[in-house]
Amino acid sequence: MDTPSRILMLVEVAELGSFSEVAKRREMDRSVVSKHIARLEQDLGVRLINRSTRSLSLTEAGQTMVEQGRVLREWIHDTETLAESLGQGLSGRLKISAPGVLGRCIGFNAMRSFHAQYPDVEFDLQLEERRVDLIAEGYDLALRVGDLEDSNLIAQPLALNHLLIGASPEFIDRCGEPRDLKQLASLPALTWSSRDLQVDFLRYRDANGVAQQLRLNSLVRTSEVEVIRRGVRAGMGIGVLPAFAVGNDVLDGSIIPVMTDLPLEPFGVINMIYPHRQVPLRTRLLMDIMREMVGSPPMWEQRIPGFDRMYGKHREAFAAAGGPASGSVLDPVPSSLVENLA
């Protein structure tokens, strides 16, 4: 390994925080990583890392070298992108991250279509709920729902993340179909939850167009949308599901949309996230395939009959007709269940 390669390894050590994590990513022994960094220090004649039994920290020289290493990494990336755009064929690897259901809905189908056209490109598709560090972990692209938190990344939207309130026919036969917010809040619900966020509420617009939150009666909390979908199908309770996670369940009658006159707020935007402004050709082509495949309205919404008229998508026509009539789903609900977001 030459000096520039060892400098890039130092950058990885700094970003991942340990020799062990770098070794795991590179599929080599931890001692090999340690020896390469020691050799880099010897060649440069300066200590780069302070080592202890529990942690690593960069020296001042190490911090300077990591900054230079990031510039080197960016230059290499830009050079590869230029070379790729001048070449006749596509090769290399695409490393992609996506949440489970979204990855299966979009990521796999896009990968299959891309592979049919460019069979020499390797794929690494990781389906996981955590938000990966695209730059530090070497990802080319990620599918994410929500706002962009890292200013070093770039986002291109695919679609709004529209929601659906669903219940199974068996659940409706047993518990009744909710007709207003009070009934909805009283029914057992399956809700999404992670280490950092609990979505045990429903965001909607009241009769005056003011954003509100309705607390749900969470019976099951899970970080996997597919568990909510299966629980709803099994009649365990109601579920607030992303439209992309429903599949053909509405078409085949397994899930029935309820409270469809309630104007729901989309839960963020489905974005394609990438780490560099100079995007490699293979990444650009994959993004083009994803856009074409998703379509407008998104393909998953087209599998829900009448979805373009549900949950407030007809809000303007609804308001022009005089707003909600007496007995609508927007009738008052106890204040203990509602939080005004205005």
C-alpha atoms as a PDB file:
ATOM      1  CA  MET A   1       0.000   0.000   0.000  1.00  0.00           C
ATOM      2  CA  ASP A   2       1.386   3.408  -0.974  1.00  0.00           C
ATOM      3  CA  THR A   3       1.314   6.627   1.051  1.00  0.00           C
ATOM      4  CA  PRO A   4      -1.824   8.151  -0.563  1.00  0.00           C
ATOM      5  CA  SER A   5      -3.721   4.917   0.139  1.00  0.00           C
ATOM      6  CA  ARG A   6      -2.598   5.014   3.779  1.00  0.00           C
ATOM      7  CA  ILE A   7      -3.727   8.645   4.041  1.00  0.00           C
ATOM      8  CA  LEU A   8      -7.182   7.599   2.812  1.00  0.00           C
ATOM      9  CA  MET A   9      -7.166   4.843   5.432  1.00  0.00           C
ATOM     10  CA  LEU A  10      -6.352   7.473   8.083  1.00  0.00           C
ATOM     11  CA  VAL A  11      -9.418   9.442   6.956  1.00  0.00           C
ATOM     12  CA  GLU A  12     -11.542   6.323   7.458  1.00  0.00           C
ATOM     13  CA  VAL A  13     -10.083   5.788  10.930  1.00  0.00           C
ATOM     14  CA  ALA A  14     -10.964   9.372  11.840  1.00  0.00           C
ATOM     15  CA  GLU A  15     -14.503   9.103  10.479  1.00  0.00           C
ATOM     16  CA  LEU A  16     -15.331   5.642  11.814  1.00  0.00           C
ATOM     17  CA  GLY A  17     -13.545   6.138  15.133  1.00  0.00           C
ATOM     18  CA  SER A  18     -11.564   2.908  15.415  1.00  0.00           C
ATOM     19  CA  PHE A  19      -9.197   0.532  13.675  1.00  0.00           C
ATOM     20  CA  SER A  20     -11.746  -2.253  14.179  1.00  0.00           C
ATOM     21  CA  GLU A  21     -14.493  -0.495  12.194  1.00  0.00           C
ATOM     22  CA  VAL A  22     -12.098   0.244   9.327  1.00  0.00           C
ATOM     23  CA  ALA A  23     -10.927  -3.372   9.356  1.00  0.00           C
ATOM     24  CA  LYS A  24     -14.531  -4.572   9.261  1.00  0.00           C
ATOM     25  CA  ARG A  25     -15.352  -2.359   6.273  1.00  0.00           C
ATOM     26  CA  ARG A  26     -12.208  -3.355   4.397  1.00  0.00           C
ATOM     27  CA  GLU A  27     -12.515  -7.025   5.387  1.00  0.00           C
ATOM     28  CA  MET A  28      -9.024  -7.244   6.855  1.00  0.00           C
ATOM     29  CA  ASP A  29      -7.518  -7.861  10.269  1.00  0.00           C
ATOM     30  CA  ARG A  30      -7.422  -4.979  12.750  1.00  0.00           C
ATOM     31  CA  SER A  31      -3.666  -5.391  13.189  1.00  0.00           C
ATOM     32  CA  VAL A  32      -3.153  -4.767   9.461  1.00  0.00           C
ATOM     33  CA  VAL A  33      -4.904  -1.407   9.728  1.00  0.00           C
ATOM     34  CA  SER A  34      -2.825  -0.492  12.787  1.00  0.00           C
ATOM     35  CA  LYS A  35       0.402  -1.391  10.984  1.00  0.00           C
ATOM     36  CA  HIS A  36      -0.476   0.721   7.935  1.00  0.00           C
ATOM     37  CA  ILE A  37      -1.170   3.775  10.118  1.00  0.00           C
ATOM     38  CA  ALA A  38       2.074   3.184  12.023  1.00  0.00           C
ATOM     39  CA  ARG A  39       3.939   2.966   8.700  1.00  0.00           C
ATOM     40  CA  LEU A  40       2.308   6.245   7.571  1.00  0.00           C
ATOM     41  CA  GLU A  41       3.500   7.940  10.765  1.00  0.00           C
ATOM     42  CA  GLN A  42       6.993   6.556  10.178  1.00  0.00           C
ATOM     43  CA  ASP A  43       7.082   7.748   6.552  1.00  0.00           C
ATOM     44  CA  LEU A  44       5.830  11.226   7.466  1.00  0.00           C
ATOM     45  CA  GLY A  45       7.969  11.456  10.585  1.00  0.00           C
ATOM     46  CA  VAL A  46       5.134  12.652  12.813  1.00  0.00           C
ATOM     47  CA  ARG A  47       2.604  11.128  15.204  1.00  0.00           C
ATOM     48  CA  LEU A  48      -0.899  11.254  13.773  1.00  0.00           C
ATOM     49  CA  ILE A  49      -2.978   9.382  16.362  1.00  0.00           C
ATOM     50  CA  ASN A  50      -2.936   9.257  20.144  1.00  0.00           C
ATOM     51  CA  ARG A  51      -3.713   5.667  21.138  1.00  0.00           C
ATOM     52  CA  SER A  52      -5.141   4.353  24.407  1.00  0.00           C
ATOM     53  CA  THR A  53      -6.716   1.042  25.360  1.00  0.00           C
ATOM     54  CA  ARG A  54     -10.215   2.521  24.977  1.00  0.00           C
ATOM     55  CA  SER A  55     -10.070   5.244  22.365  1.00  0.00           C
ATOM     56  CA  LEU A  56      -8.207   6.980  19.568  1.00  0.00           C
ATOM     57  CA  SER A  57      -7.764  10.718  19.048  1.00  0.00           C
ATOM     58  CA  LEU A  58      -6.072  12.704  16.321  1.00  0.00           C
ATOM     59  CA  THR A  59      -3.039  14.818  17.060  1.00  0.00           C
ATOM     60  CA  GLU A  60      -2.873  18.294  15.551  1.00  0.00           C
ATOM     61  CA  ALA A  61      -0.780  16.864  12.724  1.00  0.00           C
ATOM     62  CA  GLY A  62      -3.305  14.055  12.329  1.00  0.00           C
ATOM     63  CA  GLN A  63      -6.179  16.510  11.988  1.00  0.00           C
ATOM     64  CA  THR A  64      -4.278  18.413   9.296  1.00  0.00           C
ATOM     65  CA  MET A  65      -3.496  15.198   7.449  1.00  0.00           C
ATOM     66  CA  VAL A  66      -7.151  14.063   7.606  1.00  0.00           C
ATOM     67  CA  GLU A  67      -8.237  17.366   6.061  1.00  0.00           C
ATOM     68  CA  GLN A  68      -5.726  16.845   3.248  1.00  0.00           C
ATOM     69  CA  GLY A  69      -6.919  13.262   2.902  1.00  0.00           C
ATOM     70  CA  ARG A  70     -10.498  14.400   2.373  1.00  0.00           C
ATOM     71  CA  VAL A  71      -9.325  16.735  -0.381  1.00  0.00           C
ATOM     72  CA  LEU A  72      -7.463  13.791  -1.930  1.00  0.00           C
ATOM     73  CA  ARG A  73     -10.547  11.572  -1.697  1.00  0.00           C
ATOM     74  CA  GLU A  74     -12.678  14.214  -3.389  1.00  0.00           C
ATOM     75  CA  TRP A  75     -10.089  14.646  -6.158  1.00  0.00           C
ATOM     76  CA  ILE A  76      -9.990  10.883  -6.762  1.00  0.00           C
ATOM     77  CA  HIS A  77     -13.789  10.767  -6.864  1.00  0.00           C
ATOM     78  CA  ASP A  78     -13.965  13.633  -9.383  1.00  0.00           C
ATOM     79  CA  THR A  79     -11.252  12.026 -11.521  1.00  0.00           C
ATOM     80  CA  GLU A  80     -13.079   8.682 -11.570  1.00  0.00           C
ATOM     81  CA  THR A  81     -16.312  10.456 -12.498  1.00  0.00           C
ATOM     82  CA  LEU A  82     -14.593  12.227 -15.410  1.00  0.00           C
ATOM     83  CA  ALA A  83     -12.978   9.003 -16.608  1.00  0.00           C
ATOM     84  CA  GLU A  84     -16.268   7.152 -16.371  1.00  0.00           C
ATOM     85  CA  SER A  85     -18.094   9.781 -18.420  1.00  0.00           C
ATOM     86  CA  LEU A  86     -15.430   9.485 -21.140  1.00  0.00           C
ATOM     87  CA  GLY A  87     -15.470   5.702 -21.215  1.00  0.00           C
ATOM     88  CA  GLN A  88     -17.499   3.457 -23.486  1.00  0.00           C
ATOM     89  CA  GLY A  89     -19.072   1.224 -20.858  1.00  0.00           C
ATOM     90  CA  LEU A  90     -20.184   1.244 -17.234  1.00  0.00           C
ATOM     91  CA  SER A  91     -18.460  -0.699 -14.481  1.00  0.00           C
ATOM     92  CA  GLY A  92     -17.598  -0.310 -10.820  1.00  0.00           C
ATOM     93  CA  ARG A  93     -19.863  -0.636  -7.805  1.00  0.00           C
ATOM     94  CA  LEU A  94     -23.013   1.076  -6.534  1.00  0.00           C
ATOM     95  CA  LYS A  95     -23.525   1.044  -2.778  1.00  0.00           C
ATOM     96  CA  ILE A  96     -27.070   1.968  -1.765  1.00  0.00           C
ATOM     97  CA  SER A  97     -28.883   2.318   1.555  1.00  0.00           C
ATOM     98  CA  ALA A  98     -32.658   2.273   2.058  1.00  0.00           C
ATOM     99  CA  PRO A  99     -35.187   1.479   4.796  1.00  0.00           C
ATOM    100  CA  GLY A 100     -36.570  -2.045   4.468  1.00  0.00           C
ATOM    101  CA  VAL A 101     -39.969  -1.585   2.814  1.00  0.00           C
ATOM    102  CA  LEU A 102     -38.833   1.375   0.711  1.00  0.00           C
ATOM    103  CA  GLY A 103     -35.777  -0.551  -0.411  1.00  0.00           C
ATOM    104  CA  ARG A 104     -37.874  -3.527  -1.440  1.00  0.00           C
ATOM    105  CA  CYS A 105     -40.430  -1.305  -3.181  1.00  0.00           C
ATOM    106  CA  ILE A 106     -38.006   0.952  -5.084  1.00  0.00           C
ATOM    107  CA  GLY A 107     -34.428  -0.182  -4.546  1.00  0.00           C
ATOM    108  CA  PHE A 108     -34.728  -3.790  -5.702  1.00  0.00           C
ATOM    109  CA  ASN A 109     -36.824  -3.052  -8.795  1.00  0.00           C
ATOM    110  CA  ALA A 110     -34.492  -0.221  -9.806  1.00  0.00           C
ATOM    111  CA  MET A 111     -31.474  -2.467  -9.272  1.00  0.00           C
ATOM    112  CA  ARG A 112     -33.035  -5.200 -11.417  1.00  0.00           C
ATOM    113  CA  SER A 113     -33.791  -2.752 -14.244  1.00  0.00           C
ATOM    114  CA  PHE A 114     -30.317  -1.195 -14.034  1.00  0.00           C
ATOM    115  CA  HIS A 115     -28.595  -4.591 -14.059  1.00  0.00           C
ATOM    116  CA  ALA A 116     -30.463  -5.586 -17.223  1.00  0.00           C
ATOM    117  CA  GLN A 117     -28.970  -2.561 -18.997  1.00  0.00           C
ATOM    118  CA  TYR A 118     -25.529  -2.402 -17.334  1.00  0.00           C
ATOM    119  CA  PRO A 119     -24.586  -5.928 -16.217  1.00  0.00           C
ATOM    120  CA  ASP A 120     -20.944  -5.057 -15.388  1.00  0.00           C
ATOM    121  CA  VAL A 121     -21.883  -2.771 -12.478  1.00  0.00           C
ATOM    122  CA  GLU A 122     -21.815  -4.444  -9.055  1.00  0.00           C
ATOM    123  CA  PHE A 123     -24.517  -3.685  -6.473  1.00  0.00           C
ATOM    124  CA  ASP A 124     -24.378  -3.457  -2.684  1.00  0.00           C
ATOM    125  CA  LEU A 125     -27.951  -2.809  -1.505  1.00  0.00           C
ATOM    126  CA  GLN A 126     -28.246  -2.458   2.277  1.00  0.00           C
ATOM    127  CA  LEU A 127     -31.770  -2.458   3.732  1.00  0.00           C
ATOM    128  CA  GLU A 128     -31.646  -0.941   7.211  1.00  0.00           C
ATOM    129  CA  GLU A 129     -33.594   1.540   9.289  1.00  0.00           C
ATOM    130  CA  ARG A 130     -30.589   3.470  10.637  1.00  0.00           C
ATOM    131  CA  ARG A 131     -29.382   6.621   8.910  1.00  0.00           C
ATOM    132  CA  VAL A 132     -26.001   5.696   7.518  1.00  0.00           C
ATOM    133  CA  ASP A 133     -23.141   8.161   7.144  1.00  0.00           C
ATOM    134  CA  LEU A 134     -22.957   8.225   3.345  1.00  0.00           C
ATOM    135  CA  ILE A 135     -19.524   9.822   3.134  1.00  0.00           C
ATOM    136  CA  ALA A 136     -17.784   7.930   5.935  1.00  0.00           C
ATOM    137  CA  GLU A 137     -19.274   4.564   4.962  1.00  0.00           C
ATOM    138  CA  GLY A 138     -18.762   4.932   1.232  1.00  0.00           C
ATOM    139  CA  TYR A 139     -22.372   4.992   0.009  1.00  0.00           C
ATOM    140  CA  ASP A 140     -23.213   6.327  -3.438  1.00  0.00           C
ATOM    141  CA  LEU A 141     -26.931   6.814  -2.838  1.00  0.00           C
ATOM    142  CA  ALA A 142     -29.557   6.501  -0.122  1.00  0.00           C
ATOM    143  CA  LEU A 143     -33.336   6.532  -0.121  1.00  0.00           C
ATOM    144  CA  ARG A 144     -34.670   8.418   2.870  1.00  0.00           C
ATOM    145  CA  VAL A 145     -37.940   9.788   4.122  1.00  0.00           C
ATOM    146  CA  GLY A 146     -37.800  13.216   5.742  1.00  0.00           C
ATOM    147  CA  ASP A 147     -35.774  16.393   5.742  1.00  0.00           C
ATOM    148  CA  LEU A 148     -32.092  16.563   4.849  1.00  0.00           C
ATOM    149  CA  GLU A 149     -30.083  16.977   8.054  1.00  0.00           C
ATOM    150  CA  ASP A 150     -26.514  17.016   6.700  1.00  0.00           C
ATOM    151  CA  SER A 151     -25.620  20.103   4.656  1.00  0.00           C
ATOM    152  CA  ASN A 152     -22.773  18.153   3.012  1.00  0.00           C
ATOM    153  CA  LEU A 153     -25.325  15.954   1.217  1.00  0.00           C
ATOM    154  CA  ILE A 154     -27.604  16.663  -1.729  1.00  0.00           C
ATOM    155  CA  ALA A 155     -31.237  15.572  -1.977  1.00  0.00           C
ATOM    156  CA  GLN A 156     -33.502  15.091  -4.975  1.00  0.00           C
ATOM    157  CA  PRO A 157     -37.176  14.353  -4.229  1.00  0.00           C
ATOM    158  CA  LEU A 158     -38.926  11.304  -5.627  1.00  0.00           C
ATOM    159  CA  ALA A 159     -42.401  11.749  -4.128  1.00  0.00           C
ATOM    160  CA  LEU A 160     -44.353  13.015  -1.153  1.00  0.00           C
ATOM    161  CA  ASN A 161     -44.784  10.377   1.531  1.00  0.00           C
ATOM    162  CA  HIS A 162     -48.576  10.270   1.628  1.00  0.00           C
ATOM    163  CA  LEU A 163     -50.241   8.270   4.391  1.00  0.00           C
ATOM    164  CA  LEU A 164     -53.245   5.992   4.662  1.00  0.00           C
ATOM    165  CA  ILE A 165     -55.249   4.962   7.743  1.00  0.00           C
ATOM    166  CA  GLY A 166     -56.039   1.288   7.312  1.00  0.00           C
ATOM    167  CA  ALA A 167     -57.946  -1.507   9.015  1.00  0.00           C
ATOM    168  CA  SER A 168     -58.791  -5.066   8.056  1.00  0.00           C
ATOM    169  CA  PRO A 169     -62.364  -6.188   7.252  1.00  0.00           C
ATOM    170  CA  GLU A 170     -62.251  -8.484  10.289  1.00  0.00           C
ATOM    171  CA  PHE A 171     -61.235  -5.615  12.587  1.00  0.00           C
ATOM    172  CA  ILE A 172     -64.012  -3.393  11.243  1.00  0.00           C
ATOM    173  CA  ASP A 173     -66.559  -6.191  11.765  1.00  0.00           C
ATOM    174  CA  ARG A 174     -65.349  -6.622  15.339  1.00  0.00           C
ATOM    175  CA  CYS A 175     -64.755  -3.016  16.438  1.00  0.00           C
ATOM    176  CA  GLY A 176     -66.665  -0.923  13.907  1.00  0.00           C
ATOM    177  CA  GLU A 177     -65.365   1.603  11.406  1.00  0.00           C
ATOM    178  CA  PRO A 178     -64.295   4.920  12.994  1.00  0.00           C
ATOM    179  CA  ARG A 179     -66.442   7.852  11.887  1.00  0.00           C
ATOM    180  CA  ASP A 180     -64.786  10.722  13.788  1.00  0.00           C
ATOM    181  CA  LEU A 181     -61.533  11.601  15.527  1.00  0.00           C
ATOM    182  CA  LYS A 182     -62.736  10.552  18.988  1.00  0.00           C
ATOM    183  CA  GLN A 183     -63.558   7.061  17.756  1.00  0.00           C
ATOM    184  CA  LEU A 184     -60.284   6.863  15.858  1.00  0.00           C
ATOM    185  CA  ALA A 185     -58.271   7.826  18.949  1.00  0.00           C
ATOM    186  CA  SER A 186     -59.987   5.137  21.053  1.00  0.00           C
ATOM    187  CA  LEU A 187     -59.171   2.196  18.771  1.00  0.00           C
ATOM    188  CA  PRO A 188     -56.055   0.039  19.290  1.00  0.00           C
ATOM    189  CA  ALA A 189     -53.325   1.117  16.895  1.00  0.00           C
ATOM    190  CA  LEU A 190     -50.018  -0.133  15.543  1.00  0.00           C
ATOM    191  CA  THR A 191     -47.506   2.723  15.353  1.00  0.00           C
ATOM    192  CA  TRP A 192     -43.955   3.346  14.191  1.00  0.00           C
ATOM    193  CA  SER A 193     -41.220   3.829  16.755  1.00  0.00           C
ATOM    194  CA  SER A 194     -37.422   3.966  16.725  1.00  0.00           C
ATOM    195  CA  ARG A 195     -34.685   4.725  19.211  1.00  0.00           C
ATOM    196  CA  ASP A 196     -34.904   8.433  18.334  1.00  0.00           C
ATOM    197  CA  LEU A 197     -38.562   8.978  17.440  1.00  0.00           C
ATOM    198  CA  GLN A 198     -42.018   7.707  18.359  1.00  0.00           C
ATOM    199  CA  VAL A 199     -44.778   8.365  15.835  1.00  0.00           C
ATOM    200  CA  ASP A 200     -47.746   7.536  18.051  1.00  0.00           C
ATOM    201  CA  PHE A 201     -49.772  10.431  16.656  1.00  0.00           C
ATOM    202  CA  LEU A 202     -51.564  11.486  13.498  1.00  0.00           C
ATOM    203  CA  ARG A 203     -50.998  14.863  11.826  1.00  0.00           C
ATOM    204  CA  TYR A 204     -53.978  16.402  10.067  1.00  0.00           C
ATOM    205  CA  ARG A 205     -55.575  19.759   9.193  1.00  0.00           C
ATOM    206  CA  ASP A 206     -58.693  20.844  11.023  1.00  0.00           C
ATOM    207  CA  ALA A 207     -61.725  22.597   9.450  1.00  0.00           C
ATOM    208  CA  ASN A 208     -59.820  25.907   9.523  1.00  0.00           C
ATOM    209  CA  GLY A 209     -56.734  24.443   7.875  1.00  0.00           C
ATOM    210  CA  VAL A 210     -54.746  24.529  11.130  1.00  0.00           C
ATOM    211  CA  ALA A 211     -52.217  21.724  11.686  1.00  0.00           C
ATOM    212  CA  GLN A 212     -53.178  19.391  14.531  1.00  0.00           C
ATOM    213  CA  GLN A 213     -51.865  16.205  16.117  1.00  0.00           C
ATOM    214  CA  LEU A 214     -54.105  13.391  17.341  1.00  0.00           C
ATOM    215  CA  ARG A 215     -52.614  10.945  19.825  1.00  0.00           C
ATOM    216  CA  LEU A 216     -53.276   7.327  18.941  1.00  0.00           C
ATOM    217  CA  ASN A 217     -53.955   4.417  21.274  1.00  0.00           C
ATOM    218  CA  SER A 218     -50.750   2.499  20.560  1.00  0.00           C
ATOM    219  CA  LEU A 219     -51.081  -1.219  21.177  1.00  0.00           C
ATOM    220  CA  VAL A 220     -47.935  -2.162  19.217  1.00  0.00           C
ATOM    221  CA  ARG A 221     -44.849  -0.019  18.576  1.00  0.00           C
ATOM    222  CA  THR A 222     -42.282  -1.133  16.036  1.00  0.00           C
ATOM    223  CA  SER A 223     -39.448   0.252  13.911  1.00  0.00           C
ATOM    224  CA  GLU A 224     -40.493  -1.907  10.932  1.00  0.00           C
ATOM    225  CA  VAL A 225     -43.330  -0.676   8.711  1.00  0.00           C
ATOM    226  CA  GLU A 226     -43.880  -4.215   7.440  1.00  0.00           C
ATOM    227  CA  VAL A 227     -44.832  -5.301  10.977  1.00  0.00           C
ATOM    228  CA  ILE A 228     -47.505  -2.577  11.066  1.00  0.00           C
ATOM    229  CA  ARG A 229     -48.819  -3.713   7.697  1.00  0.00           C
ATOM    230  CA  ARG A 230     -49.008  -7.359   8.770  1.00  0.00           C
ATOM    231  CA  GLY A 231     -50.596  -6.437  12.086  1.00  0.00           C
ATOM    232  CA  VAL A 232     -53.281  -4.414  10.331  1.00  0.00           C
ATOM    233  CA  ARG A 233     -53.941  -7.259   7.891  1.00  0.00           C
ATOM    234  CA  ALA A 234     -54.222  -9.647  10.847  1.00  0.00           C
ATOM    235  CA  GLY A 235     -56.871  -7.473  12.520  1.00  0.00           C
ATOM    236  CA  MET A 236     -54.762  -6.384  15.497  1.00  0.00           C
ATOM    237  CA  GLY A 237     -55.720  -2.726  15.133  1.00  0.00           C
ATOM    238  CA  ILE A 238     -55.685   0.304  12.872  1.00  0.00           C
ATOM    239  CA  GLY A 239     -52.438   1.458  11.296  1.00  0.00           C
ATOM    240  CA  VAL A 240     -51.168   4.661   9.738  1.00  0.00           C
ATOM    241  CA  LEU A 241     -49.191   3.391   6.779  1.00  0.00           C
ATOM    242  CA  PRO A 242     -47.106   5.057   4.081  1.00  0.00           C
ATOM    243  CA  ALA A 243     -48.820   4.498   0.755  1.00  0.00           C
ATOM    244  CA  PHE A 244     -45.632   2.922  -0.594  1.00  0.00           C
ATOM    245  CA  ALA A 245     -45.884   0.163   2.048  1.00  0.00           C
ATOM    246  CA  VAL A 246     -49.437  -0.958   1.233  1.00  0.00           C
ATOM    247  CA  GLY A 247     -48.695  -2.885  -1.956  1.00  0.00           C
ATOM    248  CA  ASN A 248     -51.853  -4.527  -3.345  1.00  0.00           C
ATOM    249  CA  ASP A 249     -53.558  -4.820   0.057  1.00  0.00           C
ATOM    250  CA  VAL A 250     -56.281  -2.285  -0.795  1.00  0.00           C
ATOM    251  CA  LEU A 251     -56.833  -3.790  -4.240  1.00  0.00           C
ATOM    252  CA  ASP A 252     -57.354  -7.291  -2.837  1.00  0.00           C
ATOM    253  CA  GLY A 253     -59.435  -6.096   0.120  1.00  0.00           C
ATOM    254  CA  SER A 254     -56.953  -7.064   2.856  1.00  0.00           C
ATOM    255  CA  ILE A 255     -56.785  -3.456   4.089  1.00  0.00           C
ATOM    256  CA  ILE A 256     -59.648  -0.961   3.942  1.00  0.00           C
ATOM    257  CA  PRO A 257     -58.842   2.776   4.039  1.00  0.00           C
ATOM    258  CA  VAL A 258     -60.852   4.493   6.799  1.00  0.00           C
ATOM    259  CA  MET A 259     -61.503   8.146   7.675  1.00  0.00           C
ATOM    260  CA  THR A 260     -60.676   9.035   4.071  1.00  0.00           C
ATOM    261  CA  ASP A 261     -62.205  12.538   4.391  1.00  0.00           C
ATOM    262  CA  LEU A 262     -59.611  13.472   7.032  1.00  0.00           C
ATOM    263  CA  PRO A 263     -56.956  15.797   5.493  1.00  0.00           C
ATOM    264  CA  LEU A 264     -53.685  14.120   6.470  1.00  0.00           C
ATOM    265  CA  GLU A 265     -50.306  15.806   6.362  1.00  0.00           C
ATOM    266  CA  PRO A 266     -47.716  13.940   4.252  1.00  0.00           C
ATOM    267  CA  PHE A 267     -45.009  12.467   6.475  1.00  0.00           C
ATOM    268  CA  GLY A 268     -42.107  14.159   4.755  1.00  0.00           C
ATOM    269  CA  VAL A 269     -40.677  13.573   1.299  1.00  0.00           C
ATOM    270  CA  ILE A 270     -39.074  10.463  -0.165  1.00  0.00           C
ATOM    271  CA  ASN A 271     -35.642  11.662  -1.268  1.00  0.00           C
ATOM    272  CA  MET A 272     -32.669  10.318  -3.159  1.00  0.00           C
ATOM    273  CA  ILE A 273     -29.618  11.422  -1.151  1.00  0.00           C
ATOM    274  CA  TYR A 274     -26.062  11.473  -2.491  1.00  0.00           C
ATOM    275  CA  PRO A 275     -22.770  12.805  -1.123  1.00  0.00           C
ATOM    276  CA  HIS A 276     -21.086  14.571  -4.053  1.00  0.00           C
ATOM    277  CA  ARG A 277     -22.167  17.275  -6.458  1.00  0.00           C
ATOM    278  CA  GLN A 278     -20.142  15.592  -9.216  1.00  0.00           C
ATOM    279  CA  VAL A 279     -22.302  12.471  -9.389  1.00  0.00           C
ATOM    280  CA  PRO A 280     -20.804   9.428 -11.165  1.00  0.00           C
ATOM    281  CA  LEU A 281     -22.541   8.449 -14.360  1.00  0.00           C
ATOM    282  CA  ARG A 282     -23.688   5.095 -12.951  1.00  0.00           C
ATOM    283  CA  THR A 283     -25.333   6.859 -10.010  1.00  0.00           C
ATOM    284  CA  ARG A 284     -27.051   9.381 -12.285  1.00  0.00           C
ATOM    285  CA  LEU A 285     -28.408   6.595 -14.482  1.00  0.00           C
ATOM    286  CA  LEU A 286     -29.743   4.698 -11.463  1.00  0.00           C
ATOM    287  CA  MET A 287     -31.481   7.859 -10.221  1.00  0.00           C
ATOM    288  CA  ASP A 288     -33.054   8.332 -13.664  1.00  0.00           C
ATOM    289  CA  ILE A 289     -34.365   4.765 -13.551  1.00  0.00           C
ATOM    290  CA  MET A 290     -35.836   5.372 -10.086  1.00  0.00           C
ATOM    291  CA  ARG A 291     -37.621   8.550 -11.211  1.00  0.00           C
ATOM    292  CA  GLU A 292     -39.056   6.860 -14.290  1.00  0.00           C
ATOM    293  CA  MET A 293     -40.091   3.785 -12.329  1.00  0.00           C
ATOM    294  CA  VAL A 294     -41.813   5.716  -9.507  1.00  0.00           C
ATOM    295  CA  GLY A 295     -43.704   8.027 -11.878  1.00  0.00           C
ATOM    296  CA  SER A 296     -46.253  10.721 -11.035  1.00  0.00           C
ATOM    297  CA  PRO A 297     -48.458  10.011  -9.219  1.00  0.00           C
ATOM    298  CA  PRO A 298     -46.207   7.379  -7.665  1.00  0.00           C
ATOM    299  CA  MET A 299     -46.801   3.825  -8.828  1.00  0.00           C
ATOM    300  CA  TRP A 300     -47.820   2.700  -5.330  1.00  0.00           C
ATOM    301  CA  GLU A 301     -50.587   5.332  -5.133  1.00  0.00           C
ATOM    302  CA  GLN A 302     -51.925   4.131  -8.485  1.00  0.00           C
ATOM    303  CA  ARG A 303     -52.560   0.736  -6.861  1.00  0.00           C
ATOM    304  CA  ILE A 304     -54.935   2.318  -4.313  1.00  0.00           C
ATOM    305  CA  PRO A 305     -58.294   2.948  -6.055  1.00  0.00           C
ATOM    306  CA  GLY A 306     -59.474   6.529  -5.561  1.00  0.00           C
ATOM    307  CA  PHE A 307     -56.415   7.530  -3.539  1.00  0.00           C
ATOM    308  CA  ASP A 308     -56.172  10.854  -5.384  1.00  0.00           C
ATOM    309  CA  ARG A 309     -59.468  11.809  -3.677  1.00  0.00           C
ATOM    310  CA  MET A 310     -58.552  10.587  -0.183  1.00  0.00           C
ATOM    311  CA  TYR A 311     -57.052  12.293   2.839  1.00  0.00           C
ATOM    312  CA  GLY A 312     -57.267  15.883   1.695  1.00  0.00           C
ATOM    313  CA  LYS A 313     -55.981  15.630  -1.848  1.00  0.00           C
ATOM    314  CA  HIS A 314     -59.338  17.113  -2.829  1.00  0.00           C
ATOM    315  CA  ARG A 315     -59.023  19.738  -0.051  1.00  0.00           C
ATOM    316  CA  GLU A 316     -59.491  22.765  -2.325  1.00  0.00           C
ATOM    317  CA  ALA A 317     -62.669  21.406  -3.890  1.00  0.00           C
ATOM    318  CA  PHE A 318     -63.853  20.385  -0.448  1.00  0.00           C
ATOM    319  CA  ALA A 319     -63.327  23.902   0.938  1.00  0.00           C
ATOM    320  CA  ALA A 320     -64.892  25.530  -2.129  1.00  0.00           C
ATOM    321  CA  ALA A 321     -68.031  23.523  -1.462  1.00  0.00           C
ATOM    322  CA  GLY A 322     -68.402  25.186   1.919  1.00  0.00           C
ATOM    323  CA  GLY A 323     -66.123  23.190   4.206  1.00  0.00           C
ATOM    324  CA  PRO A 324     -67.025  20.216   6.380  1.00  0.00           C
ATOM    325  CA  ALA A 325     -70.691  19.668   7.082  1.00  0.00           C
ATOM    326  CA  SER A 326     -72.162  18.794  10.435  1.00  0.00           C
ATOM    327  CA  GLY A 327     -71.245  15.289  11.478  1.00  0.00           C
ATOM    328  CA  SER A 328     -67.994  15.248   9.489  1.00  0.00           C
ATOM    329  CA  VAL A 329     -64.807  13.558  10.619  1.00  0.00           C
ATOM    330  CA  LEU A 330     -63.559  16.987  11.733  1.00  0.00           C
ATOM    331  CA  ASP A 331     -66.140  17.404  14.491  1.00  0.00           C
ATOM    332  CA  PRO A 332     -64.575  18.471  17.826  1.00  0.00           C
ATOM    333  CA  VAL A 333     -62.478  15.929  19.708  1.00  0.00           C
ATOM    334  CA  PRO A 334     -61.481  16.145  23.401  1.00  0.00           C
ATOM    335  CA  SER A 335     -58.595  18.611  23.825  1.00  0.00           C
ATOM    336  CA  SER A 336     -56.589  16.039  25.792  1.00  0.00           C
ATOM    337  CA  LEU A 337     -56.136  14.080  22.569  1.00  0.00           C
ATOM    338  CA  VAL A 338     -55.238  16.976  20.272  1.00  0.00           C
ATOM    339  CA  GLU A 339     -52.157  19.183  20.063  1.00  0.00           C
ATOM    340  CA  ASN A 340     -52.347  22.403  18.031  1.00  0.00           C
ATOM    341  CA  LEU A 341     -49.223  22.745  15.868  1.00  0.00           C
ATOM    342  CA  ALA A 342     -49.761  26.265  14.588  1.00  0.00           C
END
